[in-house]
């Protein structure tokens, strides 16, 4: 799901990679529209743009769109819980504070807490290549 203006870029990308038949674009504004109902939602580099209230609202929308046992995957440049290792994540957080009206990066532990606050029953953090990681919340 993304703003309607993104649809032509999505279609071209999916067609070029031969996966257009397996994907569907959902036009919408996640601040105004409900998220589409599905089994798994991925928010890739989305939450860091927004303040805590907006982050929680997006997590709630993800929770509401999922069936029981569905999963929400948050993919970000996660800051390590001690806030000492991932210089890229820390600098990205500073960048978000400069470029946005409240955005900031966060730790896996932060995200797990927020997910549990909106109703997810189980969460886990997985480090990925480079500075990236993912937090998975299960409904």
N, C-alpha and C. Protein backbone atom coordinates (compact mmCIF):
# COMPACT_ATOMS: atom_id res chain seq x y z
N UNK A 1 0.84 -1.17 0.00
CA UNK A 1 0.00 0.00 0.00
C UNK A 1 0.89 1.23 0.00
N UNK A 2 0.55 2.13 -0.89
CA UNK A 2 1.26 3.40 -0.94
C UNK A 2 0.36 4.40 -1.64
N UNK A 3 0.82 5.63 -1.68
CA UNK A 3 0.04 6.67 -2.34
C UNK A 3 -0.16 6.32 -3.81
N UNK A 4 -1.31 6.69 -4.39
CA UNK A 4 -1.61 6.32 -5.78
C UNK A 4 -0.52 6.73 -6.78
N UNK A 5 0.16 7.82 -6.54
CA UNK A 5 1.20 8.28 -7.46
C UNK A 5 2.35 7.27 -7.60
N UNK A 6 2.51 6.38 -6.64
CA UNK A 6 3.58 5.39 -6.66
C UNK A 6 3.24 4.18 -7.53
N UNK A 7 1.96 3.98 -7.84
CA UNK A 7 1.53 2.76 -8.53
C UNK A 7 2.28 2.49 -9.84
N UNK A 8 2.46 3.47 -10.74
CA UNK A 8 3.20 3.16 -11.97
C UNK A 8 4.63 2.66 -11.72
N UNK A 9 5.29 3.19 -10.72
CA UNK A 9 6.64 2.75 -10.39
C UNK A 9 6.61 1.31 -9.88
N UNK A 10 5.64 1.00 -9.01
CA UNK A 10 5.46 -0.35 -8.49
C UNK A 10 5.22 -1.34 -9.63
N UNK A 11 4.29 -1.00 -10.52
CA UNK A 11 3.94 -1.90 -11.63
C UNK A 11 5.15 -2.16 -12.51
N UNK A 12 5.87 -1.12 -12.87
CA UNK A 12 7.06 -1.28 -13.72
C UNK A 12 8.11 -2.15 -13.03
N UNK A 13 8.33 -1.93 -11.75
CA UNK A 13 9.31 -2.70 -10.99
C UNK A 13 8.91 -4.18 -10.94
N UNK A 14 7.64 -4.44 -10.62
CA UNK A 14 7.16 -5.83 -10.51
C UNK A 14 7.22 -6.53 -11.86
N UNK A 15 6.85 -5.83 -12.92
CA UNK A 15 6.89 -6.44 -14.25
C UNK A 15 8.32 -6.75 -14.67
N UNK A 16 9.24 -5.83 -14.41
CA UNK A 16 10.64 -6.03 -14.79
C UNK A 16 11.26 -7.24 -14.09
N UNK A 17 10.75 -7.59 -12.95
CA UNK A 17 11.28 -8.72 -12.19
C UNK A 17 10.43 -9.98 -12.32
N UNK A 18 9.41 -9.93 -13.14
CA UNK A 18 8.60 -11.11 -13.41
C UNK A 18 7.70 -11.56 -12.28
N UNK A 19 7.35 -10.65 -11.39
CA UNK A 19 6.52 -11.04 -10.25
C UNK A 19 5.17 -10.31 -10.22
N UNK A 20 4.85 -9.61 -11.30
CA UNK A 20 3.62 -8.80 -11.32
C UNK A 20 2.36 -9.63 -11.09
N UNK A 21 2.35 -10.89 -11.52
CA UNK A 21 1.17 -11.73 -11.35
C UNK A 21 0.95 -12.16 -9.89
N UNK A 22 2.00 -12.03 -9.07
CA UNK A 22 1.89 -12.47 -7.67
C UNK A 22 1.68 -11.32 -6.70
N UNK A 23 1.71 -10.09 -7.20
CA UNK A 23 1.60 -8.93 -6.33
C UNK A 23 0.42 -8.06 -6.74
N UNK A 24 -0.08 -7.31 -5.77
CA UNK A 24 -1.15 -6.37 -6.06
C UNK A 24 -0.86 -5.07 -5.33
N UNK A 25 -1.01 -3.97 -6.01
CA UNK A 25 -0.81 -2.64 -5.43
C UNK A 25 -2.12 -2.18 -4.79
N UNK A 26 -2.04 -1.67 -3.58
CA UNK A 26 -3.20 -1.12 -2.88
C UNK A 26 -2.99 0.39 -2.74
N UNK A 27 -3.67 1.20 -3.57
CA UNK A 27 -3.51 2.64 -3.43
C UNK A 27 -4.19 3.13 -2.15
N UNK A 28 -3.55 4.05 -1.47
CA UNK A 28 -4.15 4.61 -0.27
C UNK A 28 -3.16 5.44 0.52
N UNK A 29 -3.67 6.08 1.53
CA UNK A 29 -2.89 6.90 2.44
C UNK A 29 -3.01 6.26 3.82
N UNK A 30 -1.92 5.71 4.35
CA UNK A 30 -2.04 4.96 5.59
C UNK A 30 -2.42 5.82 6.78
N UNK A 31 -2.40 7.15 6.63
CA UNK A 31 -2.90 8.00 7.71
C UNK A 31 -4.42 8.16 7.64
N UNK A 32 -4.99 7.97 6.46
CA UNK A 32 -6.43 8.17 6.29
C UNK A 32 -7.20 6.87 6.07
N UNK A 33 -6.58 5.90 5.45
CA UNK A 33 -7.26 4.67 5.04
C UNK A 33 -6.83 3.49 5.91
N UNK A 34 -7.73 2.50 6.08
CA UNK A 34 -7.29 1.28 6.77
C UNK A 34 -6.30 0.52 5.89
N UNK A 35 -5.44 -0.24 6.52
CA UNK A 35 -4.52 -1.08 5.76
C UNK A 35 -5.30 -2.24 5.17
N UNK A 36 -4.89 -2.75 4.01
CA UNK A 36 -5.59 -3.90 3.42
C UNK A 36 -5.46 -5.14 4.31
N UNK A 37 -6.50 -5.93 4.34
CA UNK A 37 -6.49 -7.17 5.11
C UNK A 37 -5.56 -8.17 4.43
N UNK A 38 -4.65 -8.75 5.20
CA UNK A 38 -3.72 -9.75 4.67
C UNK A 38 -3.09 -10.51 5.82
N UNK A 39 -2.34 -11.55 5.51
CA UNK A 39 -1.73 -12.40 6.54
C UNK A 39 -0.43 -11.82 7.10
N UNK A 40 0.30 -11.09 6.25
CA UNK A 40 1.58 -10.51 6.66
C UNK A 40 1.67 -9.09 6.10
N UNK A 41 2.09 -8.17 6.94
CA UNK A 41 2.32 -6.79 6.52
C UNK A 41 3.78 -6.48 6.77
N UNK A 42 4.41 -5.85 5.80
CA UNK A 42 5.80 -5.41 5.95
C UNK A 42 5.82 -3.89 5.88
N UNK A 43 6.37 -3.25 6.90
CA UNK A 43 6.60 -1.81 6.88
C UNK A 43 8.10 -1.62 6.81
N UNK A 44 8.59 -1.32 5.62
CA UNK A 44 10.02 -1.16 5.39
C UNK A 44 10.43 0.30 5.41
N UNK A 45 11.23 0.68 6.40
CA UNK A 45 11.71 2.05 6.55
C UNK A 45 10.55 3.04 6.53
N UNK A 46 9.50 2.72 7.28
CA UNK A 46 8.32 3.56 7.40
C UNK A 46 8.29 4.26 8.76
N UNK A 47 8.40 3.49 9.83
CA UNK A 47 8.17 4.04 11.16
C UNK A 47 9.14 5.14 11.56
N UNK A 48 10.38 5.09 11.06
CA UNK A 48 11.36 6.09 11.51
C UNK A 48 11.00 7.51 11.09
N UNK A 49 10.09 7.66 10.15
CA UNK A 49 9.69 9.00 9.69
C UNK A 49 8.76 9.73 10.64
N UNK A 50 8.19 9.03 11.62
CA UNK A 50 7.06 9.58 12.37
C UNK A 50 7.34 9.65 13.86
N UNK A 51 6.57 10.52 14.55
CA UNK A 51 6.70 10.63 16.00
C UNK A 51 6.08 9.41 16.68
N UNK A 52 6.21 9.31 17.99
CA UNK A 52 5.76 8.11 18.69
C UNK A 52 4.26 7.90 18.54
N UNK A 53 3.46 8.94 18.64
CA UNK A 53 2.01 8.79 18.49
C UNK A 53 1.66 8.22 17.11
N UNK A 54 2.33 8.72 16.08
CA UNK A 54 2.07 8.23 14.71
C UNK A 54 2.58 6.81 14.54
N UNK A 55 3.72 6.49 15.12
CA UNK A 55 4.24 5.12 15.07
C UNK A 55 3.21 4.15 15.66
N UNK A 56 2.68 4.50 16.85
CA UNK A 56 1.70 3.64 17.51
C UNK A 56 0.42 3.50 16.68
N UNK A 57 0.00 4.58 16.05
CA UNK A 57 -1.19 4.52 15.20
C UNK A 57 -0.97 3.56 14.03
N UNK A 58 0.20 3.61 13.41
CA UNK A 58 0.50 2.71 12.30
C UNK A 58 0.59 1.26 12.77
N UNK A 59 1.17 1.03 13.92
CA UNK A 59 1.22 -0.33 14.47
C UNK A 59 -0.19 -0.85 14.77
N UNK A 60 -1.05 0.02 15.31
CA UNK A 60 -2.45 -0.40 15.57
C UNK A 60 -3.16 -0.75 14.27
N UNK A 61 -2.94 0.07 13.23
CA UNK A 61 -3.57 -0.21 11.94
C UNK A 61 -3.07 -1.55 11.39
N UNK A 62 -1.79 -1.83 11.57
CA UNK A 62 -1.26 -3.12 11.16
C UNK A 62 -1.92 -4.25 11.93
N UNK A 63 -2.03 -4.09 13.22
CA UNK A 63 -2.66 -5.11 14.06
C UNK A 63 -4.10 -5.35 13.61
N UNK A 64 -4.84 -4.27 13.38
CA UNK A 64 -6.25 -4.38 12.99
C UNK A 64 -6.44 -5.07 11.64
N UNK A 65 -5.46 -4.94 10.74
CA UNK A 65 -5.59 -5.52 9.40
C UNK A 65 -5.25 -7.01 9.36
N UNK A 66 -4.64 -7.52 10.41
CA UNK A 66 -4.17 -8.91 10.41
C UNK A 66 -5.21 -9.86 11.01
N UNK A 67 -5.23 -11.10 10.50
CA UNK A 67 -6.06 -12.13 11.14
C UNK A 67 -5.32 -12.69 12.36
N UNK A 68 -5.99 -13.50 13.18
CA UNK A 68 -5.27 -14.18 14.26
C UNK A 68 -4.07 -14.94 13.69
N UNK A 69 -2.95 -14.86 14.37
CA UNK A 69 -1.67 -15.47 13.98
C UNK A 69 -1.00 -14.76 12.81
N UNK A 70 -1.57 -13.66 12.33
CA UNK A 70 -0.91 -12.86 11.30
C UNK A 70 0.32 -12.18 11.86
N UNK A 71 1.17 -11.65 10.98
CA UNK A 71 2.43 -11.05 11.41
C UNK A 71 2.65 -9.68 10.78
N UNK A 72 3.21 -8.80 11.58
CA UNK A 72 3.66 -7.49 11.11
C UNK A 72 5.17 -7.47 11.21
N UNK A 73 5.84 -7.16 10.10
CA UNK A 73 7.30 -7.10 10.06
C UNK A 73 7.71 -5.64 9.91
N UNK A 74 8.51 -5.17 10.85
CA UNK A 74 9.05 -3.82 10.79
C UNK A 74 10.52 -3.95 10.40
N UNK A 75 10.87 -3.37 9.25
CA UNK A 75 12.24 -3.44 8.72
C UNK A 75 12.84 -2.04 8.80
N UNK A 76 13.88 -1.88 9.59
CA UNK A 76 14.49 -0.57 9.81
C UNK A 76 15.99 -0.73 10.07
N UNK A 77 16.68 0.39 10.14
CA UNK A 77 18.07 0.42 10.60
C UNK A 77 18.01 0.48 12.12
N UNK A 78 17.73 -0.66 12.73
CA UNK A 78 17.52 -0.70 14.18
C UNK A 78 18.77 -0.31 14.95
N UNK A 79 18.56 0.51 15.95
CA UNK A 79 19.64 0.86 16.87
C UNK A 79 19.78 -0.30 17.87
N UNK A 80 21.00 -0.66 18.21
CA UNK A 80 21.19 -1.73 19.19
C UNK A 80 20.64 -1.26 20.55
N UNK A 81 20.19 -2.21 21.35
CA UNK A 81 19.53 -1.88 22.61
C UNK A 81 20.41 -1.06 23.55
N UNK A 82 21.72 -1.25 23.50
CA UNK A 82 22.62 -0.47 24.35
C UNK A 82 22.92 0.91 23.77
N UNK A 83 22.49 1.14 22.53
CA UNK A 83 22.71 2.41 21.82
C UNK A 83 24.21 2.76 21.72
N UNK A 84 25.03 1.73 21.43
CA UNK A 84 26.47 1.93 21.34
C UNK A 84 27.10 1.38 20.07
N UNK A 85 26.43 0.49 19.35
CA UNK A 85 27.05 -0.26 18.26
C UNK A 85 26.69 0.26 16.86
N UNK A 86 25.43 0.47 16.60
CA UNK A 86 24.97 0.77 15.24
C UNK A 86 25.05 2.27 14.96
N UNK A 87 26.25 2.72 14.59
CA UNK A 87 26.45 4.14 14.31
C UNK A 87 25.53 4.62 13.20
N UNK A 88 25.30 3.79 12.18
CA UNK A 88 24.41 4.18 11.09
C UNK A 88 23.00 4.46 11.62
N UNK A 89 22.47 3.57 12.45
CA UNK A 89 21.14 3.76 13.02
C UNK A 89 21.06 5.01 13.88
N UNK A 90 22.09 5.25 14.67
CA UNK A 90 22.12 6.45 15.51
C UNK A 90 22.18 7.72 14.67
N UNK A 91 23.00 7.70 13.61
CA UNK A 91 23.08 8.87 12.73
C UNK A 91 21.79 9.05 11.94
N UNK A 92 21.16 7.95 11.56
CA UNK A 92 19.88 8.04 10.86
C UNK A 92 18.83 8.66 11.76
N UNK A 93 18.85 8.32 13.04
CA UNK A 93 17.91 8.90 13.99
C UNK A 93 18.13 10.41 14.10
N UNK A 94 19.37 10.84 14.16
CA UNK A 94 19.68 12.26 14.18
C UNK A 94 19.18 12.92 12.89
N UNK A 95 19.39 12.25 11.77
CA UNK A 95 18.92 12.76 10.49
C UNK A 95 17.40 12.93 10.49
N UNK A 96 16.67 11.96 11.03
CA UNK A 96 15.21 12.05 11.09
C UNK A 96 14.76 13.23 11.95
N UNK A 97 15.48 13.48 13.05
CA UNK A 97 15.14 14.62 13.89
C UNK A 97 15.35 15.94 13.16
N UNK A 98 16.32 15.98 12.25
CA UNK A 98 16.59 17.18 11.47
C UNK A 98 15.58 17.34 10.33
N UNK A 99 15.25 16.25 9.65
CA UNK A 99 14.45 16.32 8.42
C UNK A 99 12.94 16.23 8.63
N UNK A 100 12.49 15.73 9.78
CA UNK A 100 11.06 15.52 9.98
C UNK A 100 10.57 16.29 11.20
N UNK A 101 9.27 16.26 11.42
CA UNK A 101 8.67 16.95 12.56
C UNK A 101 8.54 16.04 13.77
N UNK A 102 9.37 15.06 13.90
CA UNK A 102 9.29 14.20 15.07
C UNK A 102 9.77 12.78 14.85
N UNK A 103 10.21 12.48 13.64
CA UNK A 103 10.69 11.13 13.35
C UNK A 103 11.96 10.80 14.10
N UNK A 104 12.14 9.52 14.38
CA UNK A 104 13.36 9.06 15.04
C UNK A 104 13.48 7.55 14.86
N UNK A 105 14.70 7.08 14.83
CA UNK A 105 14.96 5.65 14.79
C UNK A 105 14.88 5.08 16.20
N UNK A 106 14.94 3.77 16.34
CA UNK A 106 14.62 3.14 17.60
C UNK A 106 15.30 1.79 17.70
N UNK A 107 15.25 1.22 18.89
CA UNK A 107 15.84 -0.09 19.13
C UNK A 107 14.80 -1.18 18.88
N UNK A 108 15.28 -2.40 18.75
CA UNK A 108 14.37 -3.54 18.65
C UNK A 108 13.51 -3.66 19.90
N UNK A 109 14.10 -3.41 21.07
CA UNK A 109 13.35 -3.49 22.32
C UNK A 109 12.24 -2.44 22.35
N UNK A 110 12.53 -1.23 21.87
CA UNK A 110 11.49 -0.19 21.79
C UNK A 110 10.32 -0.68 20.96
N UNK A 111 10.62 -1.20 19.78
CA UNK A 111 9.58 -1.64 18.85
C UNK A 111 8.78 -2.80 19.43
N UNK A 112 9.45 -3.74 20.09
CA UNK A 112 8.74 -4.86 20.72
C UNK A 112 7.75 -4.34 21.76
N UNK A 113 8.18 -3.37 22.57
CA UNK A 113 7.29 -2.81 23.58
C UNK A 113 6.08 -2.16 22.93
N UNK A 114 6.30 -1.36 21.90
CA UNK A 114 5.19 -0.68 21.23
C UNK A 114 4.22 -1.70 20.63
N UNK A 115 4.77 -2.76 20.02
CA UNK A 115 3.92 -3.78 19.43
C UNK A 115 3.05 -4.45 20.50
N UNK A 116 3.65 -4.76 21.63
CA UNK A 116 2.87 -5.38 22.71
C UNK A 116 1.84 -4.40 23.26
N UNK A 117 2.19 -3.11 23.29
CA UNK A 117 1.25 -2.09 23.76
C UNK A 117 -0.02 -2.03 22.91
N UNK A 118 0.10 -2.33 21.60
CA UNK A 118 -1.08 -2.26 20.72
C UNK A 118 -1.77 -3.62 20.56
N UNK A 119 -1.23 -4.66 21.21
CA UNK A 119 -1.95 -5.93 21.21
C UNK A 119 -1.23 -7.15 20.70
N UNK A 120 -0.08 -7.00 20.09
CA UNK A 120 0.64 -8.18 19.59
C UNK A 120 1.03 -9.05 20.78
N UNK A 121 0.87 -10.36 20.62
CA UNK A 121 1.10 -11.28 21.73
C UNK A 121 2.54 -11.76 21.83
N UNK A 122 3.25 -11.74 20.71
CA UNK A 122 4.62 -12.25 20.69
C UNK A 122 5.42 -11.42 19.71
N UNK A 123 6.67 -11.13 20.05
CA UNK A 123 7.55 -10.36 19.17
C UNK A 123 8.93 -11.00 19.16
N UNK A 124 9.68 -10.70 18.13
CA UNK A 124 11.09 -11.12 18.10
C UNK A 124 11.87 -10.17 17.22
N UNK A 125 13.13 -10.02 17.53
CA UNK A 125 14.03 -9.14 16.79
C UNK A 125 15.03 -10.01 16.05
N UNK A 126 15.28 -9.69 14.80
CA UNK A 126 16.25 -10.43 13.98
C UNK A 126 17.18 -9.42 13.33
N UNK A 127 18.46 -9.55 13.58
CA UNK A 127 19.45 -8.70 12.92
C UNK A 127 19.59 -9.16 11.47
N UNK A 128 19.74 -8.21 10.57
CA UNK A 128 19.93 -8.51 9.16
C UNK A 128 21.31 -7.99 8.74
N UNK A 129 21.59 -8.02 7.47
CA UNK A 129 22.89 -7.56 6.98
C UNK A 129 23.05 -6.07 7.22
N UNK A 130 24.28 -5.66 7.51
CA UNK A 130 24.57 -4.24 7.71
C UNK A 130 23.84 -3.70 8.93
N UNK A 131 23.37 -2.47 8.83
CA UNK A 131 22.71 -1.85 9.99
C UNK A 131 21.26 -2.26 10.17
N UNK A 132 20.72 -2.98 9.21
CA UNK A 132 19.29 -3.28 9.23
C UNK A 132 18.93 -4.45 10.14
N UNK A 133 17.71 -4.42 10.58
CA UNK A 133 17.13 -5.49 11.37
C UNK A 133 15.65 -5.49 11.15
N UNK A 134 14.99 -6.48 11.73
CA UNK A 134 13.54 -6.51 11.64
C UNK A 134 12.98 -6.94 12.98
N UNK A 135 11.79 -6.41 13.24
CA UNK A 135 11.03 -6.82 14.40
C UNK A 135 9.75 -7.43 13.87
N UNK A 136 9.44 -8.63 14.34
CA UNK A 136 8.23 -9.32 13.90
C UNK A 136 7.28 -9.38 15.09
N UNK A 137 6.06 -8.92 14.85
CA UNK A 137 5.01 -9.02 15.86
C UNK A 137 3.94 -9.98 15.37
N UNK A 138 3.53 -10.88 16.24
CA UNK A 138 2.51 -11.87 15.90
C UNK A 138 1.23 -11.55 16.65
N UNK A 139 0.13 -11.57 15.92
CA UNK A 139 -1.17 -11.31 16.52
C UNK A 139 -1.68 -12.54 17.24
